[in-house]
């Protein structure tokens, strides 16, 4: 690496838990009940500059709320 590139060429890390395996209402695993996911552990791609932060905050909020009701 030699430095940062121009705006909109940096991306959130891709890979991770497939979105097909997650219930978006609770962020709970569809495969392993009681296991919750949030943030960059999920297979979400996007341009940096806030998208990854918003995704992390939103999915964490949903998961925490679901775990609090469990």
PDB file of N, CA and C in Angstrom:
ATOM      1  N   UNK A   1       0.834  -1.179   0.000  1.00  0.00           N
ATOM      2  CA  UNK A   1       0.000   0.000   0.000  1.00  0.00           C
ATOM      3  C   UNK A   1       0.875   1.237   0.000  1.00  0.00           C
ATOM      4  N   UNK A   2       0.431   2.223  -0.716  1.00  0.00           N
ATOM      5  CA  UNK A   2       1.198   3.460  -0.766  1.00  0.00           C
ATOM      6  C   UNK A   2       0.407   4.644  -0.227  1.00  0.00           C
ATOM      7  N   UNK A   3      -0.830   4.421   0.220  1.00  0.00           N
ATOM      8  CA  UNK A   3      -1.615   5.520   0.768  1.00  0.00           C
ATOM      9  C   UNK A   3      -3.073   5.403   0.390  1.00  0.00           C
ATOM     10  N   UNK A   4      -3.817   6.385   0.762  1.00  0.00           N
ATOM     11  CA  UNK A   4      -5.246   6.429   0.496  1.00  0.00           C
ATOM     12  C   UNK A   4      -5.503   6.833  -0.948  1.00  0.00           C
ATOM     13  N   UNK A   5      -6.518   6.236  -1.559  1.00  0.00           N
ATOM     14  CA  UNK A   5      -6.875   6.601  -2.929  1.00  0.00           C
ATOM     15  C   UNK A   5      -7.894   7.738  -2.907  1.00  0.00           C
ATOM     16  N   UNK A   6      -8.361   8.093  -4.079  1.00  0.00           N
ATOM     17  CA  UNK A   6      -9.343   9.171  -4.161  1.00  0.00           C
ATOM     18  C   UNK A   6     -10.677   8.728  -3.575  1.00  0.00           C
ATOM     19  N   UNK A   7     -11.487   9.679  -3.198  1.00  0.00           N
ATOM     20  CA  UNK A   7     -12.792   9.418  -2.588  1.00  0.00           C
ATOM     21  C   UNK A   7     -13.628   8.468  -3.439  1.00  0.00           C
ATOM     22  N   UNK A   8     -14.345   7.598  -2.776  1.00  0.00           N
ATOM     23  CA  UNK A   8     -15.260   6.614  -3.356  1.00  0.00           C
ATOM     24  C   UNK A   8     -14.556   5.410  -3.964  1.00  0.00           C
ATOM     25  N   UNK A   9     -13.288   5.244  -3.705  1.00  0.00           N
ATOM     26  CA  UNK A   9     -12.604   4.042  -4.149  1.00  0.00           C
ATOM     27  C   UNK A   9     -12.328   3.104  -2.979  1.00  0.00           C
ATOM     28  N   UNK A  10     -12.574   3.553  -1.740  1.00  0.00           N
ATOM     29  CA  UNK A  10     -12.392   2.705  -0.577  1.00  0.00           C
ATOM     30  C   UNK A  10     -13.718   2.023  -0.275  1.00  0.00           C
ATOM     31  N   UNK A  11     -13.656   0.769   0.113  1.00  0.00           N
ATOM     32  CA  UNK A  11     -14.871   0.021   0.376  1.00  0.00           C
ATOM     33  C   UNK A  11     -14.828  -0.652   1.736  1.00  0.00           C
ATOM     34  N   UNK A  12     -16.013  -0.813   2.321  1.00  0.00           N
ATOM     35  CA  UNK A  12     -16.156  -1.600   3.533  1.00  0.00           C
ATOM     36  C   UNK A  12     -15.723  -3.022   3.201  1.00  0.00           C
ATOM     37  N   UNK A  13     -15.076  -3.673   4.137  1.00  0.00           N
ATOM     38  CA  UNK A  13     -14.617  -5.038   3.918  1.00  0.00           C
ATOM     39  C   UNK A  13     -15.790  -5.950   3.568  1.00  0.00           C
ATOM     40  N   UNK A  14     -15.664  -6.690   2.491  1.00  0.00           N
ATOM     41  CA  UNK A  14     -16.720  -7.627   2.109  1.00  0.00           C
ATOM     42  C   UNK A  14     -16.373  -9.010   2.672  1.00  0.00           C
ATOM     43  N   UNK A  15     -17.352  -9.886   2.613  1.00  0.00           N
ATOM     44  CA  UNK A  15     -17.181 -11.214   3.185  1.00  0.00           C
ATOM     45  C   UNK A  15     -17.807 -11.247   4.558  1.00  0.00           C
ATOM     46  N   UNK A  16     -17.908 -12.412   5.117  1.00  0.00           N
ATOM     47  CA  UNK A  16     -18.510 -12.550   6.435  1.00  0.00           C
ATOM     48  C   UNK A  16     -19.778 -13.367   6.360  1.00  0.00           C
ATOM     49  N   UNK A  17     -20.620 -13.195   7.344  1.00  0.00           N
ATOM     50  CA  UNK A  17     -21.851 -13.970   7.457  1.00  0.00           C
ATOM     51  C   UNK A  17     -22.808 -13.568   6.338  1.00  0.00           C
ATOM     52  N   UNK A  18     -23.297 -14.558   5.613  1.00  0.00           N
ATOM     53  CA  UNK A  18     -24.234 -14.305   4.518  1.00  0.00           C
ATOM     54  C   UNK A  18     -25.518 -13.678   5.052  1.00  0.00           C
ATOM     55  N   UNK A  19     -26.001 -12.658   4.359  1.00  0.00           N
ATOM     56  CA  UNK A  19     -27.226 -11.987   4.787  1.00  0.00           C
ATOM     57  C   UNK A  19     -28.439 -12.907   4.716  1.00  0.00           C
ATOM     58  N   UNK A  20     -28.364 -13.947   3.908  1.00  0.00           N
ATOM     59  CA  UNK A  20     -29.456 -14.920   3.818  1.00  0.00           C
ATOM     60  C   UNK A  20     -29.608 -15.712   5.107  1.00  0.00           C
ATOM     61  N   UNK A  21     -28.557 -15.717   5.932  1.00  0.00           N
ATOM     62  CA  UNK A  21     -28.551 -16.496   7.173  1.00  0.00           C
ATOM     63  C   UNK A  21     -28.947 -15.669   8.394  1.00  0.00           C
ATOM     64  N   UNK A  22     -29.414 -14.421   8.165  1.00  0.00           N
ATOM     65  CA  UNK A  22     -29.712 -13.515   9.273  1.00  0.00           C
ATOM     66  C   UNK A  22     -31.146 -13.005   9.180  1.00  0.00           C
ATOM     67  N   UNK A  23     -31.858 -13.015  10.319  1.00  0.00           N
ATOM     68  CA  UNK A  23     -33.193 -12.426  10.409  1.00  0.00           C
ATOM     69  C   UNK A  23     -33.005 -10.933  10.690  1.00  0.00           C
ATOM     70  N   UNK A  24     -33.336 -10.072   9.725  1.00  0.00           N
ATOM     71  CA  UNK A  24     -33.075  -8.640   9.863  1.00  0.00           C
ATOM     72  C   UNK A  24     -33.935  -7.954  10.920  1.00  0.00           C
ATOM     73  N   UNK A  25     -34.995  -8.588  11.364  1.00  0.00           N
ATOM     74  CA  UNK A  25     -35.822  -7.993  12.421  1.00  0.00           C
ATOM     75  C   UNK A  25     -35.143  -8.104  13.783  1.00  0.00           C
ATOM     76  N   UNK A  26     -34.233  -9.078  13.931  1.00  0.00           N
ATOM     77  CA  UNK A  26     -33.563  -9.313  15.206  1.00  0.00           C
ATOM     78  C   UNK A  26     -32.047  -9.416  15.092  1.00  0.00           C
ATOM     79  N   UNK A  27     -31.529  -9.582  13.888  1.00  0.00           N
ATOM     80  CA  UNK A  27     -30.111  -9.836  13.603  1.00  0.00           C
ATOM     81  C   UNK A  27     -29.669 -11.195  14.159  1.00  0.00           C
ATOM     82  N   UNK A  28     -30.631 -12.079  14.393  1.00  0.00           N
ATOM     83  CA  UNK A  28     -30.336 -13.421  14.906  1.00  0.00           C
ATOM     84  C   UNK A  28     -30.046 -14.372  13.749  1.00  0.00           C
ATOM     85  N   UNK A  29     -29.142 -15.292  14.007  1.00  0.00           N
ATOM     86  CA  UNK A  29     -28.807 -16.310  13.017  1.00  0.00           C
ATOM     87  C   UNK A  29     -30.020 -17.170  12.731  1.00  0.00           C
ATOM     88  N   UNK A  30     -30.252 -17.467  11.459  1.00  0.00           N
ATOM     89  CA  UNK A  30     -31.321 -18.391  11.078  1.00  0.00           C
ATOM     90  C   UNK A  30     -30.855 -19.837  11.265  1.00  0.00           C
ATOM     91  N   UNK A  31     -29.556 -20.029  11.401  1.00  0.00           N
ATOM     92  CA  UNK A  31     -28.971 -21.366  11.511  1.00  0.00           C
ATOM     93  C   UNK A  31     -28.719 -21.770  12.964  1.00  0.00           C
ATOM     94  N   UNK A  32     -28.304 -20.785  13.782  1.00  0.00           N
ATOM     95  CA  UNK A  32     -27.948 -21.057  15.180  1.00  0.00           C
ATOM     96  C   UNK A  32     -28.715 -20.085  16.086  1.00  0.00           C
ATOM     97  N   UNK A  33     -29.925 -20.461  16.510  1.00  0.00           N
ATOM     98  CA  UNK A  33     -30.719 -19.573  17.365  1.00  0.00           C
ATOM     99  C   UNK A  33     -29.930 -19.136  18.603  1.00  0.00           C
ATOM    100  N   UNK A  34     -30.095 -17.859  18.964  1.00  0.00           N
ATOM    101  CA  UNK A  34     -29.393 -17.311  20.115  1.00  0.00           C
ATOM    102  C   UNK A  34     -28.070 -16.647  19.759  1.00  0.00           C
ATOM    103  N   UNK A  35     -27.679 -16.736  18.487  1.00  0.00           N
ATOM    104  CA  UNK A  35     -26.452 -16.099  18.009  1.00  0.00           C
ATOM    105  C   UNK A  35     -26.847 -14.875  17.186  1.00  0.00           C
ATOM    106  N   UNK A  36     -26.311 -13.713  17.543  1.00  0.00           N
ATOM    107  CA  UNK A  36     -26.668 -12.456  16.893  1.00  0.00           C
ATOM    108  C   UNK A  36     -25.446 -11.853  16.205  1.00  0.00           C
ATOM    109  N   UNK A  37     -25.678 -11.106  15.135  1.00  0.00           N
ATOM    110  CA  UNK A  37     -24.599 -10.508  14.355  1.00  0.00           C
ATOM    111  C   UNK A  37     -24.817  -9.007  14.213  1.00  0.00           C
ATOM    112  N   UNK A  38     -23.713  -8.269  14.072  1.00  0.00           N
ATOM    113  CA  UNK A  38     -23.787  -6.827  13.842  1.00  0.00           C
ATOM    114  C   UNK A  38     -22.509  -6.347  13.173  1.00  0.00           C
ATOM    115  N   UNK A  39     -22.615  -5.247  12.455  1.00  0.00           N
ATOM    116  CA  UNK A  39     -21.441  -4.588  11.900  1.00  0.00           C
ATOM    117  C   UNK A  39     -20.753  -5.332  10.780  1.00  0.00           C
ATOM    118  N   UNK A  40     -19.430  -5.208  10.742  1.00  0.00           N
ATOM    119  CA  UNK A  40     -18.654  -5.722   9.622  1.00  0.00           C
ATOM    120  C   UNK A  40     -18.458  -7.227   9.643  1.00  0.00           C
ATOM    121  N   UNK A  41     -19.026  -7.908  10.627  1.00  0.00           N
ATOM    122  CA  UNK A  41     -19.009  -9.370  10.595  1.00  0.00           C
ATOM    123  C   UNK A  41     -19.988  -9.877   9.527  1.00  0.00           C
ATOM    124  N   UNK A  42     -20.896  -8.999   9.090  1.00  0.00           N
ATOM    125  CA  UNK A  42     -21.871  -9.335   8.053  1.00  0.00           C
ATOM    126  C   UNK A  42     -21.293  -9.088   6.661  1.00  0.00           C
ATOM    127  N   UNK A  43     -21.797  -9.812   5.689  1.00  0.00           N
ATOM    128  CA  UNK A  43     -21.347  -9.674   4.298  1.00  0.00           C
ATOM    129  C   UNK A  43     -22.054  -8.482   3.656  1.00  0.00           C
ATOM    130  N   UNK A  44     -21.563  -7.289   3.965  1.00  0.00           N
ATOM    131  CA  UNK A  44     -22.142  -6.049   3.439  1.00  0.00           C
ATOM    132  C   UNK A  44     -21.028  -5.274   2.745  1.00  0.00           C
ATOM    133  N   UNK A  45     -21.279  -4.831   1.530  1.00  0.00           N
ATOM    134  CA  UNK A  45     -20.317  -4.021   0.785  1.00  0.00           C
ATOM    135  C   UNK A  45     -20.842  -2.597   0.686  1.00  0.00           C
ATOM    136  N   UNK A  46     -19.961  -1.640   0.730  1.00  0.00           N
ATOM    137  CA  UNK A  46     -20.373  -0.259   0.547  1.00  0.00           C
ATOM    138  C   UNK A  46     -19.187   0.678   0.567  1.00  0.00           C
ATOM    139  N   UNK A  47     -19.383   1.835   0.011  1.00  0.00           N
ATOM    140  CA  UNK A  47     -18.350   2.862   0.003  1.00  0.00           C
ATOM    141  C   UNK A  47     -18.186   3.383   1.425  1.00  0.00           C
ATOM    142  N   UNK A  48     -16.946   3.634   1.845  1.00  0.00           N
ATOM    143  CA  UNK A  48     -16.715   4.175   3.183  1.00  0.00           C
ATOM    144  C   UNK A  48     -17.192   5.617   3.248  1.00  0.00           C
ATOM    145  N   UNK A  49     -17.102   6.188   4.421  1.00  0.00           N
ATOM    146  CA  UNK A  49     -17.539   7.569   4.594  1.00  0.00           C
ATOM    147  C   UNK A  49     -18.851   7.638   5.328  1.00  0.00           C
ATOM    148  N   UNK A  50     -19.124   6.665   6.144  1.00  0.00           N
ATOM    149  CA  UNK A  50     -20.332   6.692   6.955  1.00  0.00           C
ATOM    150  C   UNK A  50     -21.185   5.456   6.799  1.00  0.00           C
ATOM    151  N   UNK A  51     -21.162   4.833   5.615  1.00  0.00           N
ATOM    152  CA  UNK A  51     -22.013   3.668   5.394  1.00  0.00           C
ATOM    153  C   UNK A  51     -21.694   2.561   6.387  1.00  0.00           C
ATOM    154  N   UNK A  52     -20.410   2.262   6.566  1.00  0.00           N
ATOM    155  CA  UNK A  52     -20.049   1.170   7.467  1.00  0.00           C
ATOM    156  C   UNK A  52     -20.381   1.512   8.911  1.00  0.00           C
ATOM    157  N   UNK A  53     -20.209   2.768   9.307  1.00  0.00           N
ATOM    158  CA  UNK A  53     -20.586   3.163  10.663  1.00  0.00           C
ATOM    159  C   UNK A  53     -22.087   3.014  10.867  1.00  0.00           C
ATOM    160  N   UNK A  54     -22.874   3.516   9.925  1.00  0.00           N
ATOM    161  CA  UNK A  54     -24.331   3.437  10.055  1.00  0.00           C
ATOM    162  C   UNK A  54     -24.801   1.995  10.088  1.00  0.00           C
ATOM    163  N   UNK A  55     -24.224   1.160   9.257  1.00  0.00           N
ATOM    164  CA  UNK A  55     -24.572  -0.262   9.244  1.00  0.00           C
ATOM    165  C   UNK A  55     -24.252  -0.901  10.597  1.00  0.00           C
ATOM    166  N   UNK A  56     -23.080  -0.597  11.145  1.00  0.00           N
ATOM    167  CA  UNK A  56     -22.684  -1.161  12.435  1.00  0.00           C
ATOM    168  C   UNK A  56     -23.618  -0.692  13.549  1.00  0.00           C
ATOM    169  N   UNK A  57     -23.910   0.612  13.584  1.00  0.00           N
ATOM    170  CA  UNK A  57     -24.781   1.141  14.631  1.00  0.00           C
ATOM    171  C   UNK A  57     -26.191   0.573  14.529  1.00  0.00           C
ATOM    172  N   UNK A  58     -26.722   0.522  13.330  1.00  0.00           N
ATOM    173  CA  UNK A  58     -28.095   0.052  13.138  1.00  0.00           C
ATOM    174  C   UNK A  58     -28.236  -1.421  13.462  1.00  0.00           C
ATOM    175  N   UNK A  59     -27.333  -2.243  12.952  1.00  0.00           N
ATOM    176  CA  UNK A  59     -27.439  -3.684  13.220  1.00  0.00           C
ATOM    177  C   UNK A  59     -27.195  -3.983  14.696  1.00  0.00           C
ATOM    178  N   UNK A  60     -26.305  -3.235  15.352  1.00  0.00           N
ATOM    179  CA  UNK A  60     -26.075  -3.422  16.786  1.00  0.00           C
ATOM    180  C   UNK A  60     -27.306  -3.025  17.594  1.00  0.00           C
ATOM    181  N   UNK A  61     -27.959  -1.945  17.188  1.00  0.00           N
ATOM    182  CA  UNK A  61     -29.176  -1.481  17.871  1.00  0.00           C
ATOM    183  C   UNK A  61     -30.269  -2.551  17.773  1.00  0.00           C
ATOM    184  N   UNK A  62     -30.458  -3.098  16.590  1.00  0.00           N
ATOM    185  CA  UNK A  62     -31.472  -4.124  16.380  1.00  0.00           C
ATOM    186  C   UNK A  62     -31.150  -5.375  17.200  1.00  0.00           C
ATOM    187  N   UNK A  63     -29.897  -5.822  17.139  1.00  0.00           N
ATOM    188  CA  UNK A  63     -29.496  -7.031  17.881  1.00  0.00           C
ATOM    189  C   UNK A  63     -29.644  -6.832  19.385  1.00  0.00           C
ATOM    190  N   UNK A  64     -29.209  -5.688  19.895  1.00  0.00           N
ATOM    191  CA  UNK A  64     -29.306  -5.423  21.342  1.00  0.00           C
ATOM    192  C   UNK A  64     -30.765  -5.395  21.798  1.00  0.00           C
ATOM    193  N   UNK A  65     -31.613  -4.777  21.006  1.00  0.00           N
ATOM    194  CA  UNK A  65     -33.031  -4.748  21.346  1.00  0.00           C
ATOM    195  C   UNK A  65     -33.635  -6.137  21.379  1.00  0.00           C
ATOM    196  N   UNK A  66     -33.269  -6.964  20.415  1.00  0.00           N
ATOM    197  CA  UNK A  66     -33.788  -8.333  20.349  1.00  0.00           C
ATOM    198  C   UNK A  66     -33.274  -9.157  21.525  1.00  0.00           C
ATOM    199  N   UNK A  67     -31.998  -8.996  21.870  1.00  0.00           N
ATOM    200  CA  UNK A  67     -31.439  -9.751  22.995  1.00  0.00           C
ATOM    201  C   UNK A  67     -32.052  -9.298  24.312  1.00  0.00           C
ATOM    202  N   UNK A  68     -32.399  -8.020  24.417  1.00  0.00           N
ATOM    203  CA  UNK A  68     -33.038  -7.509  25.625  1.00  0.00           C
ATOM    204  C   UNK A  68     -34.437  -8.051  25.826  1.00  0.00           C
ATOM    205  N   UNK A  69     -35.098  -8.408  24.736  1.00  0.00           N
ATOM    206  CA  UNK A  69     -36.452  -8.972  24.814  1.00  0.00           C
ATOM    207  C   UNK A  69     -36.439 -10.480  24.999  1.00  0.00           C
ATOM    208  N   UNK A  70     -35.291 -11.102  24.732  1.00  0.00           N
ATOM    209  CA  UNK A  70     -35.205 -12.577  24.795  1.00  0.00           C
ATOM    210  C   UNK A  70     -35.275 -13.070  26.221  1.00  0.00           C
TER     211      UNK A  70
END
